[in-house]
Amino acid sequence: MILETAILNVKENLEKQFEIDFLKAKKYISAIKGYKGHTLRKCIEVKNKYLLLVDWETVEDHNIGFRESEEYKKWKTLLHHYYEPFPTVEHYETVIENK
């Protein structure tokens, strides 16, 4: 399994609307093959900063399956105008896990 991470800096004073639209957008990402789940966390110290964590089966499920889909176009229309600057997305694989 692969973990996609993105720090989302939302334009100031748009946090509530972003959260509402993110709830709408989740149906687009969750429809993609290889999607395993996601978490959106809000920073305590910086009110307009969020951490998005998405579990995928493979990097290709995200980079090709999602980003080249019609669902991604809808996700992008709904959410991308909130970010300043645009987030850097990275992928991680588990090396050690202790639960």
PDB file of N, CA and C in Angstrom:
ATOM      1  N   MET A   1       0.836  -1.173   0.000  1.00  0.00           N
ATOM      2  CA  MET A   1       0.000   0.000   0.000  1.00  0.00           C
ATOM      3  C   MET A   1       0.890   1.248   0.000  1.00  0.00           C
ATOM      4  N   ILE A   2       0.403   2.307  -0.637  1.00  0.00           N
ATOM      5  CA  ILE A   2       1.111   3.572  -0.783  1.00  0.00           C
ATOM      6  C   ILE A   2       0.328   4.667  -0.061  1.00  0.00           C
ATOM      7  N   LEU A   3       1.048   5.554   0.607  1.00  0.00           N
ATOM      8  CA  LEU A   3       0.424   6.703   1.256  1.00  0.00           C
ATOM      9  C   LEU A   3       0.756   7.957   0.464  1.00  0.00           C
ATOM     10  N   GLU A   4      -0.281   8.625  -0.009  1.00  0.00           N
ATOM     11  CA  GLU A   4      -0.127   9.936  -0.657  1.00  0.00           C
ATOM     12  C   GLU A   4      -0.283  10.988   0.422  1.00  0.00           C
ATOM     13  N   THR A   5       0.605  11.984   0.425  1.00  0.00           N
ATOM     14  CA  THR A   5       0.507  13.080   1.391  1.00  0.00           C
ATOM     15  C   THR A   5       0.504  14.411   0.656  1.00  0.00           C
ATOM     16  N   ALA A   6      -0.239  15.349   1.202  1.00  0.00           N
ATOM     17  CA  ALA A   6      -0.241  16.714   0.667  1.00  0.00           C
ATOM     18  C   ALA A   6      -0.572  17.676   1.793  1.00  0.00           C
ATOM     19  N   ILE A   7       0.238  18.710   1.924  1.00  0.00           N
ATOM     20  CA  ILE A   7      -0.082  19.796   2.838  1.00  0.00           C
ATOM     21  C   ILE A   7      -0.871  20.809   2.037  1.00  0.00           C
ATOM     22  N   LEU A   8      -2.077  21.086   2.511  1.00  0.00           N
ATOM     23  CA  LEU A   8      -2.994  21.985   1.807  1.00  0.00           C
ATOM     24  C   LEU A   8      -3.085  23.305   2.563  1.00  0.00           C
ATOM     25  N   ASN A   9      -2.517  24.343   1.985  1.00  0.00           N
ATOM     26  CA  ASN A   9      -2.636  25.679   2.547  1.00  0.00           C
ATOM     27  C   ASN A   9      -3.826  26.348   1.872  1.00  0.00           C
ATOM     28  N   VAL A  10      -4.900  26.486   2.626  1.00  0.00           N
ATOM     29  CA  VAL A  10      -6.146  27.038   2.101  1.00  0.00           C
ATOM     30  C   VAL A  10      -6.117  28.553   2.271  1.00  0.00           C
ATOM     31  N   LYS A  11      -6.591  29.254   1.271  1.00  0.00           N
ATOM     32  CA  LYS A  11      -6.639  30.717   1.349  1.00  0.00           C
ATOM     33  C   LYS A  11      -7.396  31.134   2.600  1.00  0.00           C
ATOM     34  N   GLU A  12      -6.873  32.162   3.258  1.00  0.00           N
ATOM     35  CA  GLU A  12      -7.436  32.615   4.526  1.00  0.00           C
ATOM     36  C   GLU A  12      -8.920  32.934   4.430  1.00  0.00           C
ATOM     37  N   ASN A  13      -9.623  32.567   5.483  1.00  0.00           N
ATOM     38  CA  ASN A  13     -11.064  32.799   5.646  1.00  0.00           C
ATOM     39  C   ASN A  13     -11.937  31.939   4.725  1.00  0.00           C
ATOM     40  N   LEU A  14     -11.343  30.957   4.060  1.00  0.00           N
ATOM     41  CA  LEU A  14     -12.115  30.051   3.213  1.00  0.00           C
ATOM     42  C   LEU A  14     -12.154  28.629   3.790  1.00  0.00           C
ATOM     43  N   GLU A  15     -11.684  28.479   5.027  1.00  0.00           N
ATOM     44  CA  GLU A  15     -11.556  27.154   5.619  1.00  0.00           C
ATOM     45  C   GLU A  15     -12.894  26.410   5.709  1.00  0.00           C
ATOM     46  N   LYS A  16     -13.920  27.062   6.187  1.00  0.00           N
ATOM     47  CA  LYS A  16     -15.228  26.393   6.354  1.00  0.00           C
ATOM     48  C   LYS A  16     -15.796  25.941   5.011  1.00  0.00           C
ATOM     49  N   GLN A  17     -15.738  26.811   4.007  1.00  0.00           N
ATOM     50  CA  GLN A  17     -16.260  26.444   2.689  1.00  0.00           C
ATOM     51  C   GLN A  17     -15.419  25.331   2.073  1.00  0.00           C
ATOM     52  N   PHE A  18     -14.102  25.379   2.285  1.00  0.00           N
ATOM     53  CA  PHE A  18     -13.232  24.302   1.819  1.00  0.00           C
ATOM     54  C   PHE A  18     -13.654  22.967   2.423  1.00  0.00           C
ATOM     55  N   GLU A  19     -13.909  22.949   3.719  1.00  0.00           N
ATOM     56  CA  GLU A  19     -14.311  21.707   4.386  1.00  0.00           C
ATOM     57  C   GLU A  19     -15.647  21.194   3.839  1.00  0.00           C
ATOM     58  N   ILE A  20     -16.566  22.084   3.567  1.00  0.00           N
ATOM     59  CA  ILE A  20     -17.855  21.697   2.986  1.00  0.00           C
ATOM     60  C   ILE A  20     -17.645  21.096   1.593  1.00  0.00           C
ATOM     61  N   ASP A  21     -16.842  21.766   0.774  1.00  0.00           N
ATOM     62  CA  ASP A  21     -16.588  21.273  -0.580  1.00  0.00           C
ATOM     63  C   ASP A  21     -15.756  19.990  -0.573  1.00  0.00           C
ATOM     64  N   PHE A  22     -14.867  19.846   0.405  1.00  0.00           N
ATOM     65  CA  PHE A  22     -14.090  18.610   0.496  1.00  0.00           C
ATOM     66  C   PHE A  22     -15.013  17.421   0.771  1.00  0.00           C
ATOM     67  N   LEU A  23     -16.010  17.624   1.608  1.00  0.00           N
ATOM     68  CA  LEU A  23     -16.988  16.554   1.864  1.00  0.00           C
ATOM     69  C   LEU A  23     -17.722  16.160   0.581  1.00  0.00           C
ATOM     70  N   LYS A  24     -18.009  17.135  -0.259  1.00  0.00           N
ATOM     71  CA  LYS A  24     -18.650  16.853  -1.552  1.00  0.00           C
ATOM     72  C   LYS A  24     -17.691  16.101  -2.480  1.00  0.00           C
ATOM     73  N   ALA A  25     -16.417  16.482  -2.453  1.00  0.00           N
ATOM     74  CA  ALA A  25     -15.425  15.938  -3.381  1.00  0.00           C
ATOM     75  C   ALA A  25     -15.013  14.509  -3.056  1.00  0.00           C
ATOM     76  N   LYS A  26     -15.240  14.066  -1.835  1.00  0.00           N
ATOM     77  CA  LYS A  26     -14.762  12.732  -1.462  1.00  0.00           C
ATOM     78  C   LYS A  26     -15.370  11.627  -2.319  1.00  0.00           C
ATOM     79  N   LYS A  27     -16.551  11.855  -2.857  1.00  0.00           N
ATOM     80  CA  LYS A  27     -17.173  10.821  -3.693  1.00  0.00           C
ATOM     81  C   LYS A  27     -16.392  10.601  -4.992  1.00  0.00           C
ATOM     82  N   TYR A  28     -15.673  11.611  -5.447  1.00  0.00           N
ATOM     83  CA  TYR A  28     -14.907  11.475  -6.690  1.00  0.00           C
ATOM     84  C   TYR A  28     -13.652  10.635  -6.483  1.00  0.00           C
ATOM     85  N   ILE A  29     -12.938  10.888  -5.403  1.00  0.00           N
ATOM     86  CA  ILE A  29     -11.706  10.135  -5.166  1.00  0.00           C
ATOM     87  C   ILE A  29     -12.019   8.705  -4.750  1.00  0.00           C
ATOM     88  N   SER A  30     -13.065   8.519  -3.968  1.00  0.00           N
ATOM     89  CA  SER A  30     -13.367   7.180  -3.454  1.00  0.00           C
ATOM     90  C   SER A  30     -13.901   6.238  -4.532  1.00  0.00           C
ATOM     91  N   ALA A  31     -14.247   6.778  -5.690  1.00  0.00           N
ATOM     92  CA  ALA A  31     -14.754   5.951  -6.794  1.00  0.00           C
ATOM     93  C   ALA A  31     -13.644   5.307  -7.624  1.00  0.00           C
ATOM     94  N   ILE A  32     -12.395   5.645  -7.339  1.00  0.00           N
ATOM     95  CA  ILE A  32     -11.272   5.216  -8.174  1.00  0.00           C
ATOM     96  C   ILE A  32     -10.722   3.864  -7.731  1.00  0.00           C
ATOM     97  N   LYS A  33     -10.429   3.015  -8.708  1.00  0.00           N
ATOM     98  CA  LYS A  33      -9.804   1.713  -8.430  1.00  0.00           C
ATOM     99  C   LYS A  33      -8.493   1.937  -7.676  1.00  0.00           C
ATOM    100  N   GLY A  34      -8.288   1.162  -6.641  1.00  0.00           N
ATOM    101  CA  GLY A  34      -7.056   1.250  -5.864  1.00  0.00           C
ATOM    102  C   GLY A  34      -7.135   2.194  -4.680  1.00  0.00           C
ATOM    103  N   TYR A  35      -8.199   2.981  -4.593  1.00  0.00           N
ATOM    104  CA  TYR A  35      -8.398   3.881  -3.448  1.00  0.00           C
ATOM    105  C   TYR A  35      -8.734   3.044  -2.220  1.00  0.00           C
ATOM    106  N   LYS A  36      -8.068   3.320  -1.087  1.00  0.00           N
ATOM    107  CA  LYS A  36      -8.281   2.543   0.136  1.00  0.00           C
ATOM    108  C   LYS A  36      -8.833   3.386   1.287  1.00  0.00           C
ATOM    109  N   GLY A  37      -8.798   4.695   1.169  1.00  0.00           N
ATOM    110  CA  GLY A  37      -9.311   5.558   2.235  1.00  0.00           C
ATOM    111  C   GLY A  37      -8.488   6.826   2.342  1.00  0.00           C
ATOM    112  N   HIS A  38      -9.043   7.802   3.053  1.00  0.00           N
ATOM    113  CA  HIS A  38      -8.310   9.056   3.231  1.00  0.00           C
ATOM    114  C   HIS A  38      -8.641   9.684   4.580  1.00  0.00           C
ATOM    115  N   THR A  39      -7.782  10.592   4.985  1.00  0.00           N
ATOM    116  CA  THR A  39      -7.956  11.381   6.198  1.00  0.00           C
ATOM    117  C   THR A  39      -7.577  12.819   5.865  1.00  0.00           C
ATOM    118  N   LEU A  40      -8.388  13.749   6.322  1.00  0.00           N
ATOM    119  CA  LEU A  40      -8.056  15.170   6.216  1.00  0.00           C
ATOM    120  C   LEU A  40      -7.920  15.686   7.636  1.00  0.00           C
ATOM    121  N   ARG A  41      -6.763  16.233   7.950  1.00  0.00           N
ATOM    122  CA  ARG A  41      -6.511  16.769   9.294  1.00  0.00           C
ATOM    123  C   ARG A  41      -6.239  18.247   9.217  1.00  0.00           C
ATOM    124  N   LYS A  42      -6.733  18.966  10.223  1.00  0.00           N
ATOM    125  CA  LYS A  42      -6.546  20.415  10.281  1.00  0.00           C
ATOM    126  C   LYS A  42      -5.454  20.733  11.295  1.00  0.00           C
ATOM    127  N   CYS A  43      -4.560  21.623  10.921  1.00  0.00           N
ATOM    128  CA  CYS A  43      -3.456  22.027  11.790  1.00  0.00           C
ATOM    129  C   CYS A  43      -3.994  22.837  12.976  1.00  0.00           C
ATOM    130  N   ILE A  44      -3.467  22.568  14.131  1.00  0.00           N
ATOM    131  CA  ILE A  44      -3.872  23.294  15.331  1.00  0.00           C
ATOM    132  C   ILE A  44      -3.209  24.673  15.377  1.00  0.00           C
ATOM    133  N   GLU A  45      -1.947  24.743  14.982  1.00  0.00           N
ATOM    134  CA  GLU A  45      -1.202  26.004  15.075  1.00  0.00           C
ATOM    135  C   GLU A  45      -1.511  26.986  13.949  1.00  0.00           C
ATOM    136  N   VAL A  46      -1.829  26.472  12.777  1.00  0.00           N
ATOM    137  CA  VAL A  46      -2.078  27.336  11.612  1.00  0.00           C
ATOM    138  C   VAL A  46      -3.480  27.011  11.105  1.00  0.00           C
ATOM    139  N   LYS A  47      -4.430  27.920  11.314  1.00  0.00           N
ATOM    140  CA  LYS A  47      -5.858  27.607  11.115  1.00  0.00           C
ATOM    141  C   LYS A  47      -6.242  27.267   9.676  1.00  0.00           C
ATOM    142  N   ASN A  48      -5.460  27.694   8.702  1.00  0.00           N
ATOM    143  CA  ASN A  48      -5.827  27.424   7.311  1.00  0.00           C
ATOM    144  C   ASN A  48      -4.931  26.368   6.654  1.00  0.00           C
ATOM    145  N   LYS A  49      -4.275  25.545   7.476  1.00  0.00           N
ATOM    146  CA  LYS A  49      -3.374  24.507   6.974  1.00  0.00           C
ATOM    147  C   LYS A  49      -3.964  23.126   7.281  1.00  0.00           C
ATOM    148  N   TYR A  50      -3.962  22.258   6.252  1.00  0.00           N
ATOM    149  CA  TYR A  50      -4.521  20.915   6.377  1.00  0.00           C
ATOM    150  C   TYR A  50      -3.501  19.895   5.890  1.00  0.00           C
ATOM    151  N   LEU A  51      -3.646  18.676   6.382  1.00  0.00           N
ATOM    152  CA  LEU A  51      -2.836  17.556   5.922  1.00  0.00           C
ATOM    153  C   LEU A  51      -3.782  16.517   5.335  1.00  0.00           C
ATOM    154  N   LEU A  52      -3.571  16.191   4.070  1.00  0.00           N
ATOM    155  CA  LEU A  52      -4.357  15.167   3.402  1.00  0.00           C
ATOM    156  C   LEU A  52      -3.516  13.903   3.284  1.00  0.00           C
ATOM    157  N   LEU A  53      -4.088  12.798   3.755  1.00  0.00           N
ATOM    158  CA  LEU A  53      -3.450  11.486   3.685  1.00  0.00           C
ATOM    159  C   LEU A  53      -4.391  10.555   2.935  1.00  0.00           C
ATOM    160  N   VAL A  54      -3.903   9.964   1.848  1.00  0.00           N
ATOM    161  CA  VAL A  54      -4.734   9.055   1.047  1.00  0.00           C
ATOM    162  C   VAL A  54      -3.989   7.744   0.873  1.00  0.00           C
ATOM    163  N   ASP A  55      -4.664   6.652   1.171  1.00  0.00           N
ATOM    164  CA  ASP A  55      -4.093   5.325   0.964  1.00  0.00           C
ATOM    165  C   ASP A  55      -4.517   4.798  -0.397  1.00  0.00           C
ATOM    166  N   TRP A  56      -3.526   4.333  -1.157  1.00  0.00           N
ATOM    167  CA  TRP A  56      -3.732   3.755  -2.484  1.00  0.00           C
ATOM    168  C   TRP A  56      -3.071   2.389  -2.539  1.00  0.00           C
ATOM    169  N   GLU A  57      -3.572   1.525  -3.390  1.00  0.00           N
ATOM    170  CA  GLU A  57      -2.902   0.245  -3.633  1.00  0.00           C
ATOM    171  C   GLU A  57      -1.539   0.475  -4.272  1.00  0.00           C
ATOM    172  N   THR A  58      -1.479   1.335  -5.301  1.00  0.00           N
ATOM    173  CA  THR A  58      -0.232   1.610  -6.017  1.00  0.00           C
ATOM    174  C   THR A  58      -0.137   3.100  -6.331  1.00  0.00           C
ATOM    175  N   VAL A  59       1.060   3.563  -6.642  1.00  0.00           N
ATOM    176  CA  VAL A  59       1.254   4.953  -7.075  1.00  0.00           C
ATOM    177  C   VAL A  59       0.480   5.198  -8.368  1.00  0.00           C
ATOM    178  N   GLU A  60       0.457   4.210  -9.263  1.00  0.00           N
ATOM    179  CA  GLU A  60      -0.249   4.352 -10.535  1.00  0.00           C
ATOM    180  C   GLU A  60      -1.755   4.548 -10.340  1.00  0.00           C
ATOM    181  N   ASP A  61      -2.313   3.925  -9.299  1.00  0.00           N
ATOM    182  CA  ASP A  61      -3.739   4.137  -9.023  1.00  0.00           C
ATOM    183  C   ASP A  61      -4.024   5.613  -8.794  1.00  0.00           C
ATOM    184  N   HIS A  62      -3.094   6.312  -8.165  1.00  0.00           N
ATOM    185  CA  HIS A  62      -3.263   7.751  -7.944  1.00  0.00           C
ATOM    186  C   HIS A  62      -2.862   8.554  -9.172  1.00  0.00           C
ATOM    187  N   ASN A  63      -1.612   8.359  -9.633  1.00  0.00           N
ATOM    188  CA  ASN A  63      -1.071   9.208 -10.701  1.00  0.00           C
ATOM    189  C   ASN A  63      -1.740   9.014 -12.052  1.00  0.00           C
ATOM    190  N   ILE A  64      -2.194   7.818 -12.327  1.00  0.00           N
ATOM    191  CA  ILE A  64      -2.835   7.545 -13.618  1.00  0.00           C
ATOM    192  C   ILE A  64      -4.337   7.348 -13.435  1.00  0.00           C
ATOM    193  N   GLY A  65      -4.704   6.389 -12.572  1.00  0.00           N
ATOM    194  CA  GLY A  65      -6.114   6.069 -12.384  1.00  0.00           C
ATOM    195  C   GLY A  65      -6.956   7.251 -11.945  1.00  0.00           C
ATOM    196  N   PHE A  66      -6.455   8.034 -11.000  1.00  0.00           N
ATOM    197  CA  PHE A  66      -7.214   9.191 -10.523  1.00  0.00           C
ATOM    198  C   PHE A  66      -6.945  10.438 -11.353  1.00  0.00           C
ATOM    199  N   ARG A  67      -5.693  10.787 -11.504  1.00  0.00           N
ATOM    200  CA  ARG A  67      -5.362  12.062 -12.157  1.00  0.00           C
ATOM    201  C   ARG A  67      -5.731  12.133 -13.635  1.00  0.00           C
ATOM    202  N   GLU A  68      -5.945  11.000 -14.267  1.00  0.00           N
ATOM    203  CA  GLU A  68      -6.350  11.008 -15.676  1.00  0.00           C
ATOM    204  C   GLU A  68      -7.838  10.705 -15.840  1.00  0.00           C
ATOM    205  N   SER A  69      -8.591  10.773 -14.760  1.00  0.00           N
ATOM    206  CA  SER A  69     -10.011  10.409 -14.791  1.00  0.00           C
ATOM    207  C   SER A  69     -10.927  11.632 -14.869  1.00  0.00           C
ATOM    208  N   GLU A  70     -12.160  11.379 -15.239  1.00  0.00           N
ATOM    209  CA  GLU A  70     -13.187  12.421 -15.217  1.00  0.00           C
ATOM    210  C   GLU A  70     -13.472  12.857 -13.779  1.00  0.00           C
ATOM    211  N   GLU A  71     -13.351  11.921 -12.838  1.00  0.00           N
ATOM    212  CA  GLU A  71     -13.563  12.245 -11.428  1.00  0.00           C
ATOM    213  C   GLU A  71     -12.548  13.275 -10.947  1.00  0.00           C
ATOM    214  N   TYR A  72     -11.305  13.151 -11.411  1.00  0.00           N
ATOM    215  CA  TYR A  72     -10.277  14.116 -11.021  1.00  0.00           C
ATOM    216  C   TYR A  72     -10.628  15.521 -11.523  1.00  0.00           C
ATOM    217  N   LYS A  73     -11.160  15.611 -12.722  1.00  0.00           N
ATOM    218  CA  LYS A  73     -11.554  16.929 -13.246  1.00  0.00           C
ATOM    219  C   LYS A  73     -12.596  17.574 -12.345  1.00  0.00           C
ATOM    220  N   LYS A  74     -13.528  16.791 -11.830  1.00  0.00           N
ATOM    221  CA  LYS A  74     -14.560  17.310 -10.918  1.00  0.00           C
ATOM    222  C   LYS A  74     -13.943  17.691  -9.577  1.00  0.00           C
ATOM    223  N   TRP A  75     -13.035  16.844  -9.071  1.00  0.00           N
ATOM    224  CA  TRP A  75     -12.304  17.118  -7.822  1.00  0.00           C
ATOM    225  C   TRP A  75     -11.532  18.437  -7.948  1.00  0.00           C
ATOM    226  N   LYS A  76     -10.835  18.564  -9.053  1.00  0.00           N
ATOM    227  CA  LYS A  76     -10.019  19.752  -9.316  1.00  0.00           C
ATOM    228  C   LYS A  76     -10.879  21.019  -9.365  1.00  0.00           C
ATOM    229  N   THR A  77     -11.997  20.965 -10.066  1.00  0.00           N
ATOM    230  CA  THR A  77     -12.896  22.116 -10.171  1.00  0.00           C
ATOM    231  C   THR A  77     -13.427  22.523  -8.799  1.00  0.00           C
ATOM    232  N   LEU A  78     -13.724  21.548  -7.984  1.00  0.00           N
ATOM    233  CA  LEU A  78     -14.307  21.808  -6.671  1.00  0.00           C
ATOM    234  C   LEU A  78     -13.288  22.319  -5.657  1.00  0.00           C
ATOM    235  N   LEU A  79     -12.024  21.881  -5.745  1.00  0.00           N
ATOM    236  CA  LEU A  79     -11.074  22.149  -4.661  1.00  0.00           C
ATOM    237  C   LEU A  79      -9.839  22.977  -5.001  1.00  0.00           C
ATOM    238  N   HIS A  80      -9.338  22.901  -6.212  1.00  0.00           N
ATOM    239  CA  HIS A  80      -8.020  23.482  -6.476  1.00  0.00           C
ATOM    240  C   HIS A  80      -7.945  24.998  -6.314  1.00  0.00           C
ATOM    241  N   HIS A  81      -9.026  25.705  -6.442  1.00  0.00           N
ATOM    242  CA  HIS A  81      -8.983  27.164  -6.292  1.00  0.00           C
ATOM    243  C   HIS A  81      -8.783  27.616  -4.842  1.00  0.00           C
ATOM    244  N   TYR A  82      -8.861  26.697  -3.893  1.00  0.00           N
ATOM    245  CA  TYR A  82      -8.664  27.041  -2.481  1.00  0.00           C
ATOM    246  C   TYR A  82      -7.192  27.149  -2.089  1.00  0.00           C
ATOM    247  N   TYR A  83      -6.280  26.540  -2.853  1.00  0.00           N
ATOM    248  CA  TYR A  83      -4.901  26.377  -2.408  1.00  0.00           C
ATOM    249  C   TYR A  83      -4.004  27.547  -2.801  1.00  0.00           C
ATOM    250  N   GLU A  84      -3.208  27.980  -1.822  1.00  0.00           N
ATOM    251  CA  GLU A  84      -2.203  29.022  -2.078  1.00  0.00           C
ATOM    252  C   GLU A  84      -1.050  28.819  -1.110  1.00  0.00           C
ATOM    253  N   PRO A  85       0.090  28.312  -1.552  1.00  0.00           N
ATOM    254  CA  PRO A  85       0.417  27.882  -2.902  1.00  0.00           C
ATOM    255  C   PRO A  85      -0.178  26.495  -3.194  1.00  0.00           C
ATOM    256  N   PHE A  86      -0.040  26.071  -4.439  1.00  0.00           N
ATOM    257  CA  PHE A  86      -0.538  24.765  -4.804  1.00  0.00           C
ATOM    258  C   PHE A  86       0.294  23.703  -4.084  1.00  0.00           C
ATOM    259  N   PRO A  87      -0.339  22.670  -3.546  1.00  0.00           N
ATOM    260  CA  PRO A  87       0.388  21.700  -2.728  1.00  0.00           C
ATOM    261  C   PRO A  87       1.338  20.795  -3.519  1.00  0.00           C
ATOM    262  N   THR A  88       2.384  20.395  -2.833  1.00  0.00           N
ATOM    263  CA  THR A  88       3.275  19.360  -3.330  1.00  0.00           C
ATOM    264  C   THR A  88       2.742  18.029  -2.832  1.00  0.00           C
ATOM    265  N   VAL A  89       2.600  17.080  -3.724  1.00  0.00           N
ATOM    266  CA  VAL A  89       2.094  15.757  -3.380  1.00  0.00           C
ATOM    267  C   VAL A  89       3.256  14.773  -3.406  1.00  0.00           C
ATOM    268  N   GLU A  90       3.346  13.954  -2.363  1.00  0.00           N
ATOM    269  CA  GLU A  90       4.399  12.942  -2.288  1.00  0.00           C
ATOM    270  C   GLU A  90       3.773  11.597  -1.953  1.00  0.00           C
ATOM    271  N   HIS A  91       4.494  10.530  -2.291  1.00  0.00           N
ATOM    272  CA  HIS A  91       4.032   9.164  -2.042  1.00  0.00           C
ATOM    273  C   HIS A  91       5.053   8.447  -1.161  1.00  0.00           C
ATOM    274  N   TYR A  92       4.538   7.673  -0.203  1.00  0.00           N
ATOM    275  CA  TYR A  92       5.393   6.959   0.739  1.00  0.00           C
ATOM    276  C   TYR A  92       4.988   5.489   0.805  1.00  0.00           C
ATOM    277  N   GLU A  93       5.993   4.656   1.014  1.00  0.00           N
ATOM    278  CA  GLU A  93       5.741   3.241   1.275  1.00  0.00           C
ATOM    279  C   GLU A  93       6.182   2.939   2.702  1.00  0.00           C
ATOM    280  N   THR A  94       5.545   1.986   3.322  1.00  0.00           N
ATOM    281  CA  THR A  94       5.842   1.636   4.699  1.00  0.00           C
ATOM    282  C   THR A  94       7.136   0.857   4.782  1.00  0.00           C
ATOM    283  N   VAL A  95       7.998   1.273   5.688  1.00  0.00           N
ATOM    284  CA  VAL A  95       9.245   0.576   5.957  1.00  0.00           C
ATOM    285  C   VAL A  95       9.121  -0.143   7.306  1.00  0.00           C
ATOM    286  N   ILE A  96       8.610   0.577   8.301  1.00  0.00           N
ATOM    287  CA  ILE A  96       8.404   0.014   9.644  1.00  0.00           C
ATOM    288  C   ILE A  96       7.057   0.536  10.138  1.00  0.00           C
ATOM    289  N   GLU A  97       6.278  -0.357  10.740  1.00  0.00           N
ATOM    290  CA  GLU A  97       4.982   0.062  11.279  1.00  0.00           C
ATOM    291  C   GLU A  97       4.779  -0.602  12.632  1.00  0.00           C
ATOM    292  N   ASN A  98       4.329   0.181  13.590  1.00  0.00           N
ATOM    293  CA  ASN A  98       4.044  -0.323  14.923  1.00  0.00           C
ATOM    294  C   ASN A  98       2.700   0.224  15.366  1.00  0.00           C
ATOM    295  N   LYS A  99       1.686  -0.643  15.415  1.00  0.00           N
ATOM    296  CA  LYS A  99       0.350  -0.189  15.809  1.00  0.00           C
ATOM    297  C   LYS A  99      -0.056  -0.806  17.113  1.00  0.00           C
TER     298      LYS A  99
END
